[in-house]
N, C-alpha and C. Protein backbone atom coordinates (compact mmCIF):
# COMPACT_ATOMS: atom_id res chain seq x y z
N MET A 1 0.50 14.63 10.60
CA MET A 1 1.88 14.59 10.16
C MET A 1 2.12 13.30 9.41
N SER A 2 2.76 13.38 8.29
CA SER A 2 3.01 12.22 7.45
C SER A 2 4.35 11.58 7.79
N LEU A 3 4.37 10.27 7.78
CA LEU A 3 5.65 9.58 7.87
C LEU A 3 6.39 9.85 6.57
N THR A 4 7.69 9.99 6.67
CA THR A 4 8.46 10.26 5.47
C THR A 4 9.82 9.58 5.56
N THR A 5 10.62 9.75 4.56
CA THR A 5 11.91 9.09 4.45
C THR A 5 12.72 9.24 5.74
N GLY A 6 13.20 8.10 6.24
CA GLY A 6 14.01 8.05 7.45
C GLY A 6 13.22 7.74 8.71
N ASP A 7 11.90 7.91 8.67
CA ASP A 7 11.07 7.64 9.84
C ASP A 7 10.93 6.14 10.08
N LEU A 8 10.89 5.77 11.35
CA LEU A 8 10.60 4.40 11.76
C LEU A 8 9.09 4.24 11.81
N VAL A 9 8.58 3.22 11.12
CA VAL A 9 7.14 2.99 11.11
C VAL A 9 6.74 2.33 12.43
N PRO A 10 5.84 2.95 13.18
CA PRO A 10 5.37 2.33 14.42
C PRO A 10 4.60 1.04 14.11
N ASP A 11 4.62 0.10 15.04
CA ASP A 11 3.88 -1.13 14.83
C ASP A 11 2.39 -0.83 14.71
N PHE A 12 1.71 -1.57 13.87
CA PHE A 12 0.26 -1.46 13.76
C PHE A 12 -0.31 -2.82 13.37
N THR A 13 -1.57 -2.99 13.67
CA THR A 13 -2.30 -4.19 13.27
C THR A 13 -3.51 -3.74 12.49
N ALA A 14 -3.79 -4.42 11.39
CA ALA A 14 -4.95 -4.09 10.57
C ALA A 14 -5.52 -5.40 10.01
N GLN A 15 -6.71 -5.31 9.47
CA GLN A 15 -7.37 -6.47 8.90
C GLN A 15 -7.11 -6.53 7.40
N THR A 16 -6.87 -7.72 6.88
CA THR A 16 -6.68 -7.88 5.44
C THR A 16 -7.97 -8.34 4.80
N ASP A 17 -7.97 -8.33 3.48
CA ASP A 17 -9.13 -8.81 2.73
C ASP A 17 -9.36 -10.29 2.98
N GLN A 18 -8.34 -11.01 3.41
CA GLN A 18 -8.44 -12.45 3.67
C GLN A 18 -8.90 -12.71 5.10
N ASP A 19 -9.38 -11.66 5.78
CA ASP A 19 -9.89 -11.72 7.15
C ASP A 19 -8.84 -12.24 8.14
N ARG A 20 -7.61 -11.90 7.84
CA ARG A 20 -6.51 -12.23 8.75
C ARG A 20 -5.86 -10.93 9.18
N PRO A 21 -5.41 -10.87 10.43
CA PRO A 21 -4.74 -9.65 10.85
C PRO A 21 -3.37 -9.52 10.19
N TYR A 22 -3.03 -8.29 9.87
CA TYR A 22 -1.70 -7.95 9.36
C TYR A 22 -1.04 -7.16 10.47
N ARG A 23 0.04 -7.69 11.00
CA ARG A 23 0.79 -6.97 12.03
C ARG A 23 2.12 -6.56 11.43
N PHE A 24 2.39 -5.27 11.46
CA PHE A 24 3.56 -4.72 10.79
C PHE A 24 4.84 -5.39 11.26
N THR A 25 5.05 -5.53 12.57
CA THR A 25 6.31 -6.10 13.06
C THR A 25 6.43 -7.59 12.74
N GLN A 26 5.34 -8.29 12.60
CA GLN A 26 5.41 -9.70 12.25
C GLN A 26 5.78 -9.89 10.79
N ASN A 27 5.62 -8.87 10.00
CA ASN A 27 5.97 -8.94 8.59
C ASN A 27 7.31 -8.25 8.32
N SER A 28 8.15 -8.18 9.36
CA SER A 28 9.42 -7.48 9.21
C SER A 28 10.54 -8.46 8.84
N GLY A 29 11.71 -7.92 8.69
CA GLY A 29 12.86 -8.73 8.34
C GLY A 29 13.24 -8.63 6.89
N GLY A 30 12.40 -8.02 6.10
CA GLY A 30 12.69 -7.84 4.68
C GLY A 30 12.17 -6.49 4.23
N TRP A 31 12.48 -6.17 3.01
CA TRP A 31 11.99 -4.93 2.41
C TRP A 31 10.51 -5.06 2.10
N ARG A 32 9.78 -3.96 2.20
CA ARG A 32 8.34 -3.94 1.94
C ARG A 32 7.95 -2.71 1.14
N VAL A 33 6.91 -2.88 0.36
CA VAL A 33 6.26 -1.76 -0.30
C VAL A 33 4.83 -1.75 0.22
N ILE A 34 4.42 -0.60 0.74
CA ILE A 34 3.03 -0.39 1.13
C ILE A 34 2.52 0.77 0.29
N PHE A 35 1.50 0.46 -0.54
CA PHE A 35 0.93 1.53 -1.36
C PHE A 35 -0.52 1.76 -0.95
N PHE A 36 -0.88 3.03 -0.87
CA PHE A 36 -2.22 3.45 -0.51
C PHE A 36 -2.96 3.84 -1.77
N PHE A 37 -4.22 3.43 -1.84
CA PHE A 37 -5.07 3.82 -2.97
C PHE A 37 -6.42 4.26 -2.44
N PRO A 38 -7.07 5.22 -3.12
CA PRO A 38 -8.28 5.83 -2.58
C PRO A 38 -9.48 4.88 -2.49
N ARG A 39 -9.77 4.15 -3.53
CA ARG A 39 -11.01 3.38 -3.54
C ARG A 39 -10.90 2.17 -4.46
N ALA A 40 -11.19 1.01 -3.90
CA ALA A 40 -11.19 -0.21 -4.70
C ALA A 40 -12.24 -0.11 -5.80
N ASN A 41 -12.02 -0.85 -6.84
CA ASN A 41 -12.98 -1.00 -7.94
C ASN A 41 -13.20 0.27 -8.73
N THR A 42 -12.19 1.14 -8.74
CA THR A 42 -12.21 2.27 -9.65
C THR A 42 -11.08 2.05 -10.66
N THR A 43 -11.20 2.67 -11.79
CA THR A 43 -10.27 2.43 -12.89
C THR A 43 -8.81 2.62 -12.51
N HIS A 44 -8.48 3.76 -11.89
CA HIS A 44 -7.07 4.04 -11.58
C HIS A 44 -6.54 3.13 -10.48
N CYS A 45 -7.37 2.80 -9.50
CA CYS A 45 -6.92 1.90 -8.43
C CYS A 45 -6.71 0.49 -8.98
N GLN A 46 -7.58 0.06 -9.88
CA GLN A 46 -7.39 -1.24 -10.52
C GLN A 46 -6.08 -1.24 -11.32
N MET A 47 -5.84 -0.17 -12.06
CA MET A 47 -4.62 -0.08 -12.84
C MET A 47 -3.39 -0.21 -11.94
N GLN A 48 -3.38 0.54 -10.85
CA GLN A 48 -2.24 0.52 -9.94
C GLN A 48 -2.01 -0.89 -9.38
N ALA A 49 -3.07 -1.52 -8.90
CA ALA A 49 -2.94 -2.86 -8.33
C ALA A 49 -2.49 -3.88 -9.37
N ARG A 50 -3.03 -3.78 -10.56
CA ARG A 50 -2.64 -4.72 -11.63
C ARG A 50 -1.18 -4.53 -12.03
N ARG A 51 -0.72 -3.30 -12.02
CA ARG A 51 0.69 -3.06 -12.37
C ARG A 51 1.60 -3.66 -11.30
N TYR A 52 1.22 -3.55 -10.03
CA TYR A 52 2.00 -4.19 -8.97
C TYR A 52 1.98 -5.71 -9.14
N GLN A 53 0.81 -6.24 -9.46
CA GLN A 53 0.71 -7.69 -9.64
C GLN A 53 1.57 -8.15 -10.82
N ALA A 54 1.55 -7.39 -11.90
CA ALA A 54 2.35 -7.75 -13.07
C ALA A 54 3.84 -7.79 -12.76
N LEU A 55 4.27 -6.95 -11.82
CA LEU A 55 5.70 -6.90 -11.46
C LEU A 55 5.99 -7.64 -10.14
N SER A 56 5.00 -8.32 -9.60
CA SER A 56 5.17 -8.95 -8.29
C SER A 56 6.30 -9.98 -8.27
N GLY A 57 6.51 -10.69 -9.37
CA GLY A 57 7.62 -11.64 -9.44
C GLY A 57 8.96 -10.96 -9.34
N GLU A 58 9.09 -9.81 -9.98
CA GLU A 58 10.35 -9.06 -9.89
C GLU A 58 10.57 -8.50 -8.48
N PHE A 59 9.48 -8.00 -7.87
CA PHE A 59 9.60 -7.54 -6.48
C PHE A 59 10.03 -8.70 -5.58
N ALA A 60 9.39 -9.86 -5.75
CA ALA A 60 9.72 -11.03 -4.93
C ALA A 60 11.17 -11.46 -5.14
N ALA A 61 11.67 -11.36 -6.37
CA ALA A 61 13.05 -11.72 -6.65
C ALA A 61 14.04 -10.83 -5.90
N HIS A 62 13.60 -9.63 -5.53
CA HIS A 62 14.42 -8.71 -4.74
C HIS A 62 14.10 -8.81 -3.25
N GLY A 63 13.26 -9.78 -2.89
CA GLY A 63 12.91 -9.97 -1.48
C GLY A 63 11.93 -8.95 -0.94
N ILE A 64 11.14 -8.35 -1.82
CA ILE A 64 10.19 -7.30 -1.44
C ILE A 64 8.79 -7.90 -1.32
N THR A 65 8.12 -7.60 -0.20
CA THR A 65 6.72 -7.98 -0.08
C THR A 65 5.86 -6.75 -0.37
N LEU A 66 4.69 -6.98 -0.93
CA LEU A 66 3.78 -5.91 -1.33
C LEU A 66 2.52 -5.96 -0.48
N SER A 67 1.97 -4.78 -0.19
CA SER A 67 0.67 -4.66 0.47
C SER A 67 0.00 -3.40 -0.05
N GLY A 68 -1.30 -3.50 -0.32
CA GLY A 68 -2.09 -2.34 -0.71
C GLY A 68 -3.04 -1.98 0.42
N VAL A 69 -3.30 -0.69 0.60
CA VAL A 69 -4.17 -0.22 1.68
C VAL A 69 -5.20 0.76 1.14
N SER A 70 -6.45 0.55 1.53
CA SER A 70 -7.50 1.53 1.25
C SER A 70 -8.51 1.49 2.38
N SER A 71 -9.41 2.46 2.41
CA SER A 71 -10.42 2.52 3.46
C SER A 71 -11.65 1.68 3.11
N ASP A 72 -11.55 0.88 2.08
CA ASP A 72 -12.67 0.03 1.67
C ASP A 72 -12.89 -1.11 2.66
N THR A 73 -14.10 -1.62 2.66
CA THR A 73 -14.43 -2.76 3.51
C THR A 73 -13.77 -4.02 2.98
N ARG A 74 -13.72 -5.02 3.82
CA ARG A 74 -13.17 -6.31 3.42
C ARG A 74 -13.94 -6.85 2.20
N LYS A 75 -15.26 -6.72 2.23
CA LYS A 75 -16.10 -7.21 1.13
C LYS A 75 -15.74 -6.51 -0.19
N GLN A 76 -15.57 -5.18 -0.14
CA GLN A 76 -15.20 -4.44 -1.35
C GLN A 76 -13.82 -4.89 -1.85
N GLN A 77 -12.91 -5.14 -0.92
CA GLN A 77 -11.58 -5.55 -1.32
C GLN A 77 -11.54 -6.97 -1.89
N LEU A 78 -12.44 -7.83 -1.43
CA LEU A 78 -12.53 -9.18 -2.01
C LEU A 78 -12.94 -9.10 -3.47
N VAL A 79 -13.89 -8.22 -3.78
CA VAL A 79 -14.30 -8.01 -5.17
C VAL A 79 -13.12 -7.44 -5.96
N PHE A 80 -12.44 -6.47 -5.38
CA PHE A 80 -11.27 -5.85 -6.01
C PHE A 80 -10.19 -6.90 -6.30
N ARG A 81 -9.93 -7.78 -5.33
CA ARG A 81 -8.95 -8.86 -5.51
C ARG A 81 -9.33 -9.73 -6.70
N ASP A 82 -10.60 -10.10 -6.79
CA ASP A 82 -11.05 -10.95 -7.89
C ASP A 82 -10.92 -10.25 -9.23
N ILE A 83 -11.26 -8.98 -9.28
CA ILE A 83 -11.17 -8.22 -10.54
C ILE A 83 -9.72 -8.06 -10.98
N CYS A 84 -8.86 -7.70 -10.02
CA CYS A 84 -7.46 -7.39 -10.36
C CYS A 84 -6.55 -8.62 -10.34
N LYS A 85 -7.03 -9.71 -9.77
CA LYS A 85 -6.25 -10.96 -9.70
C LYS A 85 -4.92 -10.75 -8.97
N VAL A 86 -4.97 -10.05 -7.82
CA VAL A 86 -3.74 -9.82 -7.05
C VAL A 86 -3.54 -10.93 -6.03
N ASP A 87 -2.28 -11.21 -5.72
CA ASP A 87 -1.99 -12.25 -4.74
C ASP A 87 -1.28 -11.70 -3.50
N PHE A 88 -1.20 -10.39 -3.38
CA PHE A 88 -0.61 -9.79 -2.18
C PHE A 88 -1.74 -9.28 -1.28
N PRO A 89 -1.45 -9.07 0.02
CA PRO A 89 -2.50 -8.63 0.94
C PRO A 89 -3.03 -7.25 0.62
N LEU A 90 -4.33 -7.10 0.79
CA LEU A 90 -5.00 -5.81 0.71
C LEU A 90 -5.49 -5.51 2.11
N ILE A 91 -5.04 -4.41 2.67
CA ILE A 91 -5.38 -4.04 4.04
C ILE A 91 -6.62 -3.16 4.02
N SER A 92 -7.62 -3.59 4.77
CA SER A 92 -8.87 -2.85 4.89
C SER A 92 -8.74 -1.88 6.07
N ASP A 93 -8.70 -0.61 5.74
CA ASP A 93 -8.46 0.43 6.74
C ASP A 93 -9.73 1.26 6.96
N THR A 94 -10.83 0.58 7.27
CA THR A 94 -12.11 1.28 7.40
C THR A 94 -12.13 2.28 8.55
N ASP A 95 -11.31 2.04 9.57
CA ASP A 95 -11.27 2.99 10.70
C ASP A 95 -10.18 4.05 10.52
N HIS A 96 -9.45 4.00 9.41
CA HIS A 96 -8.43 4.98 9.02
C HIS A 96 -7.20 4.98 9.93
N THR A 97 -7.03 3.96 10.72
CA THR A 97 -5.87 3.90 11.63
C THR A 97 -4.56 3.93 10.86
N VAL A 98 -4.45 3.11 9.83
CA VAL A 98 -3.20 3.03 9.07
C VAL A 98 -2.99 4.29 8.24
N SER A 99 -4.04 4.79 7.63
CA SER A 99 -3.93 6.02 6.83
C SER A 99 -3.51 7.21 7.68
N ARG A 100 -4.07 7.29 8.89
CA ARG A 100 -3.67 8.37 9.80
C ARG A 100 -2.22 8.20 10.25
N LEU A 101 -1.84 6.96 10.56
CA LEU A 101 -0.48 6.67 11.00
C LEU A 101 0.54 7.13 9.95
N PHE A 102 0.27 6.83 8.70
CA PHE A 102 1.18 7.21 7.62
C PHE A 102 0.96 8.65 7.15
N GLY A 103 -0.12 9.28 7.62
CA GLY A 103 -0.38 10.67 7.25
C GLY A 103 -0.90 10.85 5.85
N VAL A 104 -1.65 9.87 5.34
CA VAL A 104 -2.13 9.94 3.97
C VAL A 104 -3.65 10.10 3.87
N LEU A 105 -4.32 10.29 5.00
CA LEU A 105 -5.78 10.42 4.97
C LEU A 105 -6.15 11.78 4.39
N ASP A 106 -6.94 11.74 3.34
CA ASP A 106 -7.35 12.97 2.67
C ASP A 106 -8.52 13.61 3.41
N ASP A 107 -8.75 14.88 3.14
CA ASP A 107 -9.91 15.57 3.70
C ASP A 107 -11.18 14.97 3.09
N LEU A 108 -12.26 15.04 3.81
CA LEU A 108 -13.55 14.58 3.29
C LEU A 108 -13.97 15.49 2.15
N LEU A 109 -14.20 14.90 1.01
CA LEU A 109 -14.57 15.67 -0.17
C LEU A 109 -16.08 15.96 -0.17
N PRO A 110 -16.48 17.08 -0.74
CA PRO A 110 -17.91 17.40 -0.81
C PRO A 110 -18.67 16.26 -1.51
N GLY A 111 -19.77 15.85 -0.90
CA GLY A 111 -20.59 14.80 -1.49
C GLY A 111 -20.16 13.39 -1.10
N GLU A 112 -19.00 13.26 -0.48
CA GLU A 112 -18.51 11.95 -0.06
C GLU A 112 -18.88 11.70 1.39
N GLU A 113 -19.09 10.45 1.73
CA GLU A 113 -19.42 10.09 3.10
C GLU A 113 -18.24 9.46 3.84
N VAL A 114 -17.23 9.04 3.08
CA VAL A 114 -16.10 8.34 3.66
C VAL A 114 -14.81 9.04 3.25
N GLN A 115 -13.93 9.27 4.21
CA GLN A 115 -12.61 9.79 3.88
C GLN A 115 -11.80 8.70 3.21
N MET A 116 -10.93 9.09 2.30
CA MET A 116 -10.11 8.13 1.57
C MET A 116 -8.64 8.50 1.72
N ALA A 117 -7.81 7.52 1.52
CA ALA A 117 -6.37 7.74 1.52
C ALA A 117 -5.95 8.39 0.20
N ARG A 118 -4.94 9.24 0.29
CA ARG A 118 -4.32 9.75 -0.93
C ARG A 118 -3.46 8.64 -1.52
N ARG A 119 -3.23 8.70 -2.81
CA ARG A 119 -2.42 7.69 -3.49
C ARG A 119 -0.94 7.99 -3.21
N GLU A 120 -0.39 7.29 -2.22
CA GLU A 120 1.00 7.46 -1.84
C GLU A 120 1.62 6.08 -1.63
N THR A 121 2.93 5.99 -1.78
CA THR A 121 3.63 4.71 -1.70
C THR A 121 4.87 4.86 -0.83
N PHE A 122 5.15 3.80 -0.07
CA PHE A 122 6.29 3.77 0.84
C PHE A 122 7.12 2.52 0.60
N LEU A 123 8.42 2.71 0.46
CA LEU A 123 9.39 1.61 0.43
C LEU A 123 10.01 1.57 1.82
N ILE A 124 9.91 0.42 2.47
CA ILE A 124 10.32 0.29 3.87
C ILE A 124 11.44 -0.74 3.97
N ASP A 125 12.52 -0.37 4.66
CA ASP A 125 13.68 -1.26 4.77
C ASP A 125 13.45 -2.35 5.82
N PRO A 126 14.36 -3.32 5.93
CA PRO A 126 14.17 -4.43 6.87
C PRO A 126 14.08 -4.01 8.34
N GLN A 127 14.60 -2.84 8.69
CA GLN A 127 14.52 -2.36 10.07
C GLN A 127 13.22 -1.61 10.35
N GLY A 128 12.38 -1.46 9.33
CA GLY A 128 11.10 -0.77 9.51
C GLY A 128 11.17 0.73 9.28
N ARG A 129 12.24 1.20 8.65
CA ARG A 129 12.37 2.63 8.34
C ARG A 129 11.94 2.89 6.89
N ILE A 130 11.35 4.04 6.71
CA ILE A 130 10.94 4.41 5.36
C ILE A 130 12.18 4.81 4.57
N ALA A 131 12.45 4.04 3.54
CA ALA A 131 13.60 4.31 2.68
C ALA A 131 13.25 5.31 1.58
N GLN A 132 11.99 5.29 1.16
CA GLN A 132 11.55 6.21 0.11
C GLN A 132 10.05 6.41 0.25
N HIS A 133 9.60 7.63 0.02
CA HIS A 133 8.18 7.97 0.09
C HIS A 133 7.81 8.72 -1.18
N TRP A 134 6.80 8.24 -1.85
CA TRP A 134 6.30 8.90 -3.05
C TRP A 134 4.90 9.43 -2.77
N ASN A 135 4.65 10.70 -3.06
CA ASN A 135 3.29 11.23 -2.99
C ASN A 135 2.92 11.72 -4.38
N GLY A 136 1.66 11.99 -4.58
CA GLY A 136 1.22 12.38 -5.92
C GLY A 136 1.49 11.29 -6.93
N VAL A 137 1.28 10.05 -6.52
CA VAL A 137 1.64 8.87 -7.31
C VAL A 137 0.78 8.75 -8.57
N ASP A 138 1.40 8.41 -9.67
CA ASP A 138 0.70 8.11 -10.92
C ASP A 138 0.40 6.60 -10.91
N PRO A 139 -0.86 6.21 -10.92
CA PRO A 139 -1.18 4.79 -10.83
C PRO A 139 -0.64 3.96 -11.99
N ALA A 140 -0.42 4.59 -13.13
CA ALA A 140 0.09 3.86 -14.29
C ALA A 140 1.57 3.53 -14.18
N THR A 141 2.31 4.34 -13.42
CA THR A 141 3.76 4.15 -13.38
C THR A 141 4.31 3.85 -11.99
N ASP A 142 3.46 3.85 -10.97
CA ASP A 142 3.91 3.68 -9.59
C ASP A 142 4.75 2.42 -9.40
N ALA A 143 4.23 1.27 -9.78
CA ALA A 143 4.94 0.01 -9.56
C ALA A 143 6.30 0.01 -10.25
N ALA A 144 6.36 0.48 -11.48
CA ALA A 144 7.63 0.51 -12.21
C ALA A 144 8.61 1.49 -11.58
N THR A 145 8.12 2.62 -11.11
CA THR A 145 8.97 3.61 -10.45
C THR A 145 9.58 3.03 -9.18
N VAL A 146 8.76 2.35 -8.39
CA VAL A 146 9.25 1.75 -7.14
C VAL A 146 10.25 0.65 -7.45
N LEU A 147 9.96 -0.18 -8.43
CA LEU A 147 10.88 -1.26 -8.80
C LEU A 147 12.22 -0.69 -9.27
N GLU A 148 12.21 0.38 -10.02
CA GLU A 148 13.46 1.02 -10.44
C GLU A 148 14.27 1.51 -9.24
N GLU A 149 13.60 2.06 -8.24
CA GLU A 149 14.29 2.50 -7.03
C GLU A 149 14.89 1.30 -6.29
N VAL A 150 14.16 0.20 -6.24
CA VAL A 150 14.67 -1.02 -5.60
C VAL A 150 15.94 -1.47 -6.31
N LYS A 151 15.92 -1.48 -7.62
CA LYS A 151 17.11 -1.88 -8.39
C LYS A 151 18.25 -0.90 -8.20
N ARG A 152 17.93 0.40 -8.17
CA ARG A 152 18.97 1.41 -7.98
C ARG A 152 19.68 1.23 -6.65
N ARG A 153 18.92 0.82 -5.63
CA ARG A 153 19.49 0.62 -4.31
C ARG A 153 20.23 -0.71 -4.19
N GLY A 154 20.06 -1.57 -5.17
CA GLY A 154 20.72 -2.86 -5.12
C GLY A 154 20.10 -3.81 -4.10
N VAL A 155 18.83 -3.65 -3.86
CA VAL A 155 18.12 -4.52 -2.90
C VAL A 155 18.00 -5.91 -3.48
């Protein structure tokens, strides 16, 4: 079952690419965007992360923190961080805990050895409720779409 608009996100702890734990409740008190991407170091995932980075100043001006999540290892995400030059946390979800919690874990594809998250994005309010959920996300426009929603809400 996928978390969706209006749902309270349960607390979770995950590892970031910076080898520090990310605890959802410790990062509360403000608006957040958590976007899931299938695999680091692929063209579309790089595009999505770079678009978020390009707009990160505008998100910060609205008090929004950004986090990206994939099932990649910390090592893969460190390479991804260097390639994309992102300064927000990348959550390494190798055990799929976060992907399962949000309901975005895709089925294992033929020929693949690792399940991946679907490309979905969540805007979360200061109380930890999902204010908006996007599925079938276009990596080229995701960041701009989310930022427009933030502005529409007057955050």
